[in-house]
Amino acid sequence: MTTTRQPKRSYSQIIHDHMLAGKRISNMEAYDQYGMTCFLQRISDLRAAGVVIQDEVIEKNGKRYKSYWIDKSDDDAEVIL
């Protein structure tokens, strides 16, 4: 019996795919969903690779955090990572 192993996706690819699916993500959501502690560095890496990532400061229950997303209309959303 042979099994084929799927290549392991990088955190940058995981975040990129998440946002390309039309979803927003914050630092805490990245930790909760993917166990990712280096989320902000991966956002920086994606931006450096040419991905246009939007962000918004959200205030909830007296706390502030940023939410990140990719607009579907951005032509550069298909950057190869």
Protein backbone atom coordinates (compact mmCIF):
# COMPACT_ATOMS: atom_id res chain seq x y z
CA MET A 1 0.00 0.00 0.00
CA THR A 2 1.47 3.31 -1.04
CA THR A 3 0.40 6.62 0.36
CA THR A 4 1.17 9.97 -1.13
CA ARG A 5 2.14 12.70 1.25
CA GLN A 6 0.87 16.18 0.66
CA PRO A 7 3.57 18.83 0.87
CA LYS A 8 3.39 20.78 4.10
CA ARG A 9 2.04 24.29 3.59
CA SER A 10 3.91 27.20 5.11
CA TYR A 11 2.18 29.58 7.51
CA SER A 12 2.34 32.25 4.79
CA GLN A 13 0.48 29.94 2.39
CA ILE A 14 -2.09 29.07 5.05
CA ILE A 15 -2.81 32.75 5.79
CA HIS A 16 -2.84 33.64 2.08
CA ASP A 17 -5.31 30.84 1.30
CA HIS A 18 -7.49 31.82 4.26
CA MET A 19 -7.75 35.43 3.08
CA LEU A 20 -8.20 34.46 -0.60
CA ALA A 21 -11.26 32.49 0.51
CA GLY A 22 -12.80 35.86 1.43
CA LYS A 23 -12.23 35.50 5.17
CA ARG A 24 -10.76 38.02 7.57
CA ILE A 25 -8.23 36.99 10.20
CA SER A 26 -6.70 38.54 13.30
CA ASN A 27 -3.68 37.61 15.39
CA MET A 28 -5.79 35.73 17.95
CA GLU A 29 -7.81 33.94 15.27
CA ALA A 30 -4.57 32.78 13.63
CA TYR A 31 -3.45 31.39 16.98
CA ASP A 32 -6.80 29.74 17.73
CA GLN A 33 -7.32 28.22 14.27
CA TYR A 34 -3.76 27.37 13.24
CA GLY A 35 -1.66 27.49 16.42
CA MET A 36 0.34 30.27 14.80
CA THR A 37 2.38 32.57 17.05
CA CYS A 38 4.22 34.40 14.25
CA PHE A 39 1.15 35.77 12.43
CA LEU A 40 2.25 39.41 12.15
CA GLN A 41 5.59 38.41 10.64
CA ARG A 42 3.78 36.30 8.03
CA ILE A 43 1.55 39.30 7.16
CA SER A 44 4.73 41.33 6.71
CA ASP A 45 6.26 38.59 4.53
CA LEU A 46 3.14 38.45 2.32
CA ARG A 47 3.14 42.22 1.89
CA ALA A 48 6.85 42.14 1.01
CA ALA A 49 6.02 39.50 -1.65
CA GLY A 50 3.58 41.95 -3.22
CA VAL A 51 0.26 40.84 -1.76
CA VAL A 52 -2.00 43.82 -1.02
CA ILE A 53 -3.48 43.12 2.40
CA GLN A 54 -6.09 45.44 3.88
CA ASP A 55 -6.37 45.96 7.63
CA GLU A 56 -8.76 47.58 10.04
CA VAL A 57 -8.51 48.38 13.74
CA ILE A 58 -11.46 46.89 15.60
CA GLU A 59 -12.49 47.89 19.11
CA LYS A 60 -14.51 45.36 21.05
CA ASN A 61 -15.17 45.29 24.79
CA GLY A 62 -12.64 48.09 25.32
CA LYS A 63 -9.87 46.16 23.52
CA ARG A 64 -8.34 46.96 20.15
CA TYR A 65 -6.97 44.60 17.52
CA LYS A 66 -6.45 44.50 13.77
CA SER A 67 -8.30 42.36 11.29
CA TYR A 68 -6.64 41.54 7.95
CA TRP A 69 -8.11 40.56 4.56
CA ILE A 70 -7.50 40.56 0.82
CA ASP A 71 -9.99 42.38 -1.40
CA LYS A 72 -11.30 40.08 -4.12
CA SER A 73 -10.81 42.88 -6.67
CA ASP A 74 -7.03 43.02 -6.13
CA ASP A 75 -5.32 41.64 -9.23
CA ASP A 76 -2.16 40.79 -7.30
CA ALA A 77 -3.89 38.34 -4.96
CA GLU A 78 -2.46 35.45 -7.00
CA VAL A 79 1.16 36.02 -5.96
CA ILE A 80 3.16 32.79 -5.99
CA LEU A 81 4.59 32.07 -2.52
